[in-house]
Amino acid sequence: MPARLCLQGILFVLHNDIAWQLLPLELGFGSGQTCWRRLDRWQKAGVFDQLHQLLLAELNAAGKLDWSRACLDGSHVRAKKGVPTPARRRSTGARPAASTT
């Protein structure tokens, strides 16, 4: 199955929110199983991450991105958990007497 048709099948399933096995063969995109396997292979190869980066670069170069609406979440940037604890400092004061009881 040509890559372009598989991509169209993948987009059709995702856009219409249908199960892979419900992809109509009459559309010519191949079976849902074929499209799903191709999606899995491309995802593991990093194709969509590369495509995303390329698209962002192209849109940014054309001035088509509104960065004032950008946001980050924990899936892309490590979130800090709480306030950092200060480093322990060695005490310069006298120590309390040991308990004698």
N, C-alpha and C. Protein backbone atom coordinates (compact mmCIF):
# COMPACT_ATOMS: atom_id res chain seq x y z
N MET A 1 0.85 -1.18 0.00
CA MET A 1 0.00 0.00 0.00
C MET A 1 0.90 1.24 0.00
N PRO A 2 0.69 2.17 -0.92
CA PRO A 2 1.49 3.39 -0.95
C PRO A 2 1.37 4.21 0.34
N ALA A 3 2.46 4.84 0.71
CA ALA A 3 2.51 5.61 1.95
C ALA A 3 1.45 6.71 1.99
N ARG A 4 1.24 7.38 0.87
CA ARG A 4 0.27 8.47 0.83
C ARG A 4 -1.14 7.98 1.16
N LEU A 5 -1.52 6.82 0.60
CA LEU A 5 -2.85 6.28 0.87
C LEU A 5 -2.98 5.84 2.32
N CYS A 6 -1.92 5.26 2.87
CA CYS A 6 -1.95 4.88 4.29
C CYS A 6 -2.10 6.11 5.17
N LEU A 7 -1.39 7.17 4.85
CA LEU A 7 -1.51 8.41 5.62
C LEU A 7 -2.93 8.94 5.54
N GLN A 8 -3.53 8.90 4.36
CA GLN A 8 -4.91 9.36 4.21
C GLN A 8 -5.86 8.50 5.05
N GLY A 9 -5.61 7.19 5.08
CA GLY A 9 -6.43 6.30 5.89
C GLY A 9 -6.28 6.60 7.37
N ILE A 10 -5.05 6.85 7.81
CA ILE A 10 -4.78 7.19 9.21
C ILE A 10 -5.52 8.48 9.57
N LEU A 11 -5.39 9.48 8.73
CA LEU A 11 -6.06 10.76 9.00
C LEU A 11 -7.58 10.61 9.00
N PHE A 12 -8.09 9.77 8.11
CA PHE A 12 -9.54 9.54 8.07
C PHE A 12 -10.03 8.93 9.38
N VAL A 13 -9.32 7.90 9.86
CA VAL A 13 -9.71 7.24 11.12
C VAL A 13 -9.63 8.22 12.29
N LEU A 14 -8.54 8.96 12.37
CA LEU A 14 -8.37 9.89 13.48
C LEU A 14 -9.37 11.05 13.42
N HIS A 15 -9.60 11.58 12.24
CA HIS A 15 -10.52 12.71 12.09
C HIS A 15 -11.96 12.30 12.40
N ASN A 16 -12.35 11.11 11.96
CA ASN A 16 -13.73 10.66 12.15
C ASN A 16 -13.92 9.87 13.45
N ASP A 17 -12.85 9.69 14.19
CA ASP A 17 -12.90 9.01 15.48
C ASP A 17 -13.62 7.66 15.38
N ILE A 18 -13.15 6.84 14.45
CA ILE A 18 -13.72 5.51 14.29
C ILE A 18 -12.67 4.46 14.64
N ALA A 19 -13.11 3.26 14.89
CA ALA A 19 -12.18 2.16 15.17
C ALA A 19 -11.45 1.79 13.88
N TRP A 20 -10.22 1.31 14.03
CA TRP A 20 -9.42 0.97 12.86
C TRP A 20 -10.12 -0.05 11.98
N GLN A 21 -10.79 -1.03 12.59
CA GLN A 21 -11.43 -2.08 11.79
C GLN A 21 -12.65 -1.57 11.03
N LEU A 22 -13.10 -0.35 11.32
CA LEU A 22 -14.25 0.22 10.61
C LEU A 22 -13.86 1.10 9.43
N LEU A 23 -12.56 1.17 9.12
CA LEU A 23 -12.13 1.95 7.95
C LEU A 23 -12.66 1.27 6.68
N PRO A 24 -13.51 1.95 5.91
CA PRO A 24 -14.11 1.33 4.72
C PRO A 24 -13.06 1.04 3.64
N LEU A 25 -13.03 -0.19 3.18
CA LEU A 25 -12.10 -0.58 2.11
C LEU A 25 -12.41 0.16 0.81
N GLU A 26 -13.67 0.56 0.63
CA GLU A 26 -14.09 1.24 -0.60
C GLU A 26 -13.37 2.57 -0.81
N LEU A 27 -12.84 3.14 0.25
CA LEU A 27 -12.14 4.43 0.13
C LEU A 27 -10.77 4.27 -0.52
N GLY A 28 -10.26 3.07 -0.54
CA GLY A 28 -8.98 2.83 -1.22
C GLY A 28 -7.75 3.09 -0.36
N PHE A 29 -7.93 3.21 0.95
CA PHE A 29 -6.80 3.48 1.84
C PHE A 29 -6.17 2.21 2.37
N GLY A 30 -6.70 1.06 2.00
CA GLY A 30 -6.23 -0.21 2.56
C GLY A 30 -7.05 -0.52 3.80
N SER A 31 -6.70 -1.61 4.45
CA SER A 31 -7.45 -2.00 5.64
C SER A 31 -7.03 -1.16 6.83
N GLY A 32 -7.88 -1.13 7.83
CA GLY A 32 -7.55 -0.43 9.06
C GLY A 32 -6.32 -1.01 9.72
N GLN A 33 -6.16 -2.35 9.63
CA GLN A 33 -4.99 -3.02 10.20
C GLN A 33 -3.71 -2.55 9.51
N THR A 34 -3.74 -2.43 8.21
CA THR A 34 -2.57 -1.96 7.46
C THR A 34 -2.22 -0.53 7.86
N CYS A 35 -3.22 0.32 7.93
CA CYS A 35 -2.98 1.72 8.31
C CYS A 35 -2.45 1.81 9.74
N TRP A 36 -3.01 1.00 10.63
CA TRP A 36 -2.57 1.03 12.02
C TRP A 36 -1.11 0.58 12.14
N ARG A 37 -0.75 -0.49 11.41
CA ARG A 37 0.64 -0.97 11.46
C ARG A 37 1.60 0.08 10.92
N ARG A 38 1.19 0.77 9.85
CA ARG A 38 2.05 1.81 9.27
C ARG A 38 2.19 2.97 10.26
N LEU A 39 1.09 3.36 10.90
CA LEU A 39 1.14 4.41 11.91
C LEU A 39 2.10 4.02 13.04
N ASP A 40 2.00 2.79 13.51
CA ASP A 40 2.87 2.31 14.59
C ASP A 40 4.34 2.34 14.15
N ARG A 41 4.62 1.89 12.96
CA ARG A 41 5.99 1.88 12.45
C ARG A 41 6.54 3.30 12.31
N TRP A 42 5.73 4.20 11.76
CA TRP A 42 6.17 5.59 11.60
C TRP A 42 6.37 6.27 12.95
N GLN A 43 5.48 5.98 13.90
CA GLN A 43 5.61 6.57 15.22
C GLN A 43 6.90 6.13 15.89
N LYS A 44 7.21 4.84 15.82
CA LYS A 44 8.43 4.31 16.42
C LYS A 44 9.69 4.85 15.74
N ALA A 45 9.59 5.16 14.46
CA ALA A 45 10.72 5.71 13.70
C ALA A 45 10.89 7.21 13.93
N GLY A 46 9.96 7.85 14.62
CA GLY A 46 10.06 9.28 14.90
C GLY A 46 9.61 10.18 13.76
N VAL A 47 8.89 9.60 12.82
CA VAL A 47 8.45 10.37 11.64
C VAL A 47 7.57 11.56 12.03
N PHE A 48 6.64 11.34 12.96
CA PHE A 48 5.71 12.42 13.31
C PHE A 48 6.38 13.50 14.14
N ASP A 49 7.35 13.13 14.96
CA ASP A 49 8.12 14.15 15.70
C ASP A 49 8.91 15.03 14.73
N GLN A 50 9.52 14.40 13.73
CA GLN A 50 10.27 15.15 12.72
C GLN A 50 9.35 16.05 11.90
N LEU A 51 8.21 15.50 11.53
CA LEU A 51 7.23 16.28 10.76
C LEU A 51 6.75 17.49 11.56
N HIS A 52 6.50 17.29 12.85
CA HIS A 52 6.06 18.37 13.72
C HIS A 52 7.12 19.48 13.79
N GLN A 53 8.38 19.09 13.98
CA GLN A 53 9.47 20.07 14.04
C GLN A 53 9.60 20.83 12.72
N LEU A 54 9.51 20.13 11.62
CA LEU A 54 9.61 20.76 10.30
C LEU A 54 8.46 21.74 10.07
N LEU A 55 7.27 21.33 10.44
CA LEU A 55 6.10 22.19 10.28
C LEU A 55 6.22 23.45 11.13
N LEU A 56 6.66 23.30 12.39
CA LEU A 56 6.85 24.46 13.25
C LEU A 56 7.89 25.42 12.68
N ALA A 57 8.99 24.87 12.16
CA ALA A 57 10.05 25.71 11.59
C ALA A 57 9.54 26.48 10.37
N GLU A 58 8.81 25.79 9.51
CA GLU A 58 8.25 26.43 8.30
C GLU A 58 7.26 27.54 8.67
N LEU A 59 6.36 27.23 9.58
CA LEU A 59 5.36 28.22 9.98
C LEU A 59 6.00 29.40 10.70
N ASN A 60 7.00 29.12 11.52
CA ASN A 60 7.68 30.20 12.23
C ASN A 60 8.42 31.11 11.24
N ALA A 61 9.09 30.52 10.26
CA ALA A 61 9.81 31.30 9.25
C ALA A 61 8.86 32.18 8.44
N ALA A 62 7.64 31.70 8.24
CA ALA A 62 6.64 32.46 7.48
C ALA A 62 5.87 33.44 8.37
N GLY A 63 6.21 33.48 9.66
CA GLY A 63 5.52 34.38 10.58
C GLY A 63 4.08 33.99 10.85
N LYS A 64 3.78 32.71 10.74
CA LYS A 64 2.40 32.24 10.89
C LYS A 64 2.10 31.67 12.27
N LEU A 65 3.07 31.74 13.20
CA LEU A 65 2.83 31.22 14.55
C LEU A 65 2.62 32.37 15.53
N ASP A 66 1.65 32.21 16.40
CA ASP A 66 1.39 33.19 17.46
C ASP A 66 1.94 32.61 18.75
N TRP A 67 3.20 32.94 19.06
CA TRP A 67 3.87 32.37 20.23
C TRP A 67 3.28 32.88 21.54
N SER A 68 2.48 33.93 21.50
CA SER A 68 1.87 34.41 22.74
C SER A 68 0.82 33.43 23.26
N ARG A 69 0.38 32.51 22.41
CA ARG A 69 -0.61 31.52 22.81
C ARG A 69 0.02 30.17 23.11
N ALA A 70 1.34 30.10 23.14
CA ALA A 70 2.03 28.84 23.40
C ALA A 70 2.01 28.51 24.88
N CYS A 71 2.01 27.24 25.20
CA CYS A 71 2.08 26.81 26.59
C CYS A 71 2.87 25.51 26.67
N LEU A 72 3.36 25.22 27.85
CA LEU A 72 4.12 24.00 28.08
C LEU A 72 3.38 23.15 29.09
N ASP A 73 3.54 21.86 28.97
CA ASP A 73 2.99 20.98 30.00
C ASP A 73 4.01 19.91 30.33
N GLY A 74 3.69 19.11 31.31
CA GLY A 74 4.62 18.11 31.82
C GLY A 74 4.97 17.02 30.83
N SER A 75 4.23 16.87 29.74
CA SER A 75 4.56 15.84 28.77
C SER A 75 5.74 16.27 27.89
N HIS A 76 6.07 17.56 27.89
CA HIS A 76 7.17 18.05 27.06
C HIS A 76 8.33 18.62 27.88
N VAL A 77 8.02 19.17 29.03
CA VAL A 77 9.03 19.79 29.88
C VAL A 77 8.89 19.22 31.28
N ARG A 78 9.99 18.81 31.87
CA ARG A 78 9.94 18.23 33.20
C ARG A 78 9.42 19.26 34.20
N ALA A 79 8.40 18.87 34.92
CA ALA A 79 7.81 19.76 35.92
C ALA A 79 8.58 19.62 37.23
N LYS A 80 8.90 20.72 37.84
CA LYS A 80 9.56 20.71 39.14
C LYS A 80 8.52 20.38 40.20
N LYS A 81 8.88 19.53 41.12
CA LYS A 81 7.95 19.14 42.17
C LYS A 81 8.24 19.93 43.44
N GLY A 82 7.40 20.89 43.74
CA GLY A 82 7.52 21.66 44.97
C GLY A 82 8.69 22.62 44.98
N VAL A 83 8.92 23.20 46.12
CA VAL A 83 9.99 24.17 46.32
C VAL A 83 11.27 23.42 46.62
N PRO A 84 12.38 23.81 46.02
CA PRO A 84 13.63 23.11 46.32
C PRO A 84 14.00 23.27 47.80
N THR A 85 14.47 22.20 48.39
CA THR A 85 14.86 22.27 49.79
C THR A 85 16.26 22.85 49.87
N PRO A 86 16.49 23.75 50.85
CA PRO A 86 17.83 24.33 50.97
C PRO A 86 18.83 23.25 51.40
N ALA A 87 20.07 23.47 51.03
CA ALA A 87 21.11 22.52 51.40
C ALA A 87 21.29 22.54 52.91
N ARG A 88 21.58 21.37 53.49
CA ARG A 88 21.79 21.31 54.94
C ARG A 88 23.12 21.98 55.26
N ARG A 89 23.10 22.80 56.26
CA ARG A 89 24.30 23.51 56.69
C ARG A 89 24.75 22.95 58.03
N ARG A 90 26.01 22.91 58.23
CA ARG A 90 26.55 22.42 59.49
C ARG A 90 26.33 23.46 60.57
N SER A 91 25.84 23.00 61.70
CA SER A 91 25.55 23.91 62.81
C SER A 91 26.86 24.39 63.44
N THR A 92 26.88 25.66 63.80
CA THR A 92 28.05 26.21 64.49
C THR A 92 27.76 26.42 65.97
N GLY A 93 26.52 26.13 66.35
CA GLY A 93 26.14 26.30 67.76
C GLY A 93 26.54 25.09 68.59
N ALA A 94 26.41 25.24 69.91
CA ALA A 94 26.73 24.14 70.82
C ALA A 94 25.71 23.04 70.66
N ARG A 95 26.15 21.80 70.85
CA ARG A 95 25.22 20.68 70.78
C ARG A 95 24.50 20.51 72.11
N PRO A 96 23.28 20.04 72.06
CA PRO A 96 22.57 19.77 73.31
C PRO A 96 23.25 18.61 74.04
N ALA A 97 23.16 18.61 75.35
CA ALA A 97 23.75 17.54 76.14
C ALA A 97 23.07 16.23 75.85
N ALA A 98 23.82 15.16 75.87
CA ALA A 98 23.26 13.83 75.67
C ALA A 98 22.35 13.48 76.80
N SER A 99 21.29 12.78 76.54
CA SER A 99 20.34 12.40 77.57
C SER A 99 20.98 11.40 78.53
N THR A 100 20.78 11.61 79.80
CA THR A 100 21.38 10.72 80.81
C THR A 100 20.34 9.81 81.44
N THR A 101 19.11 9.86 80.97
CA THR A 101 18.08 9.01 81.58
C THR A 101 18.00 7.67 80.95
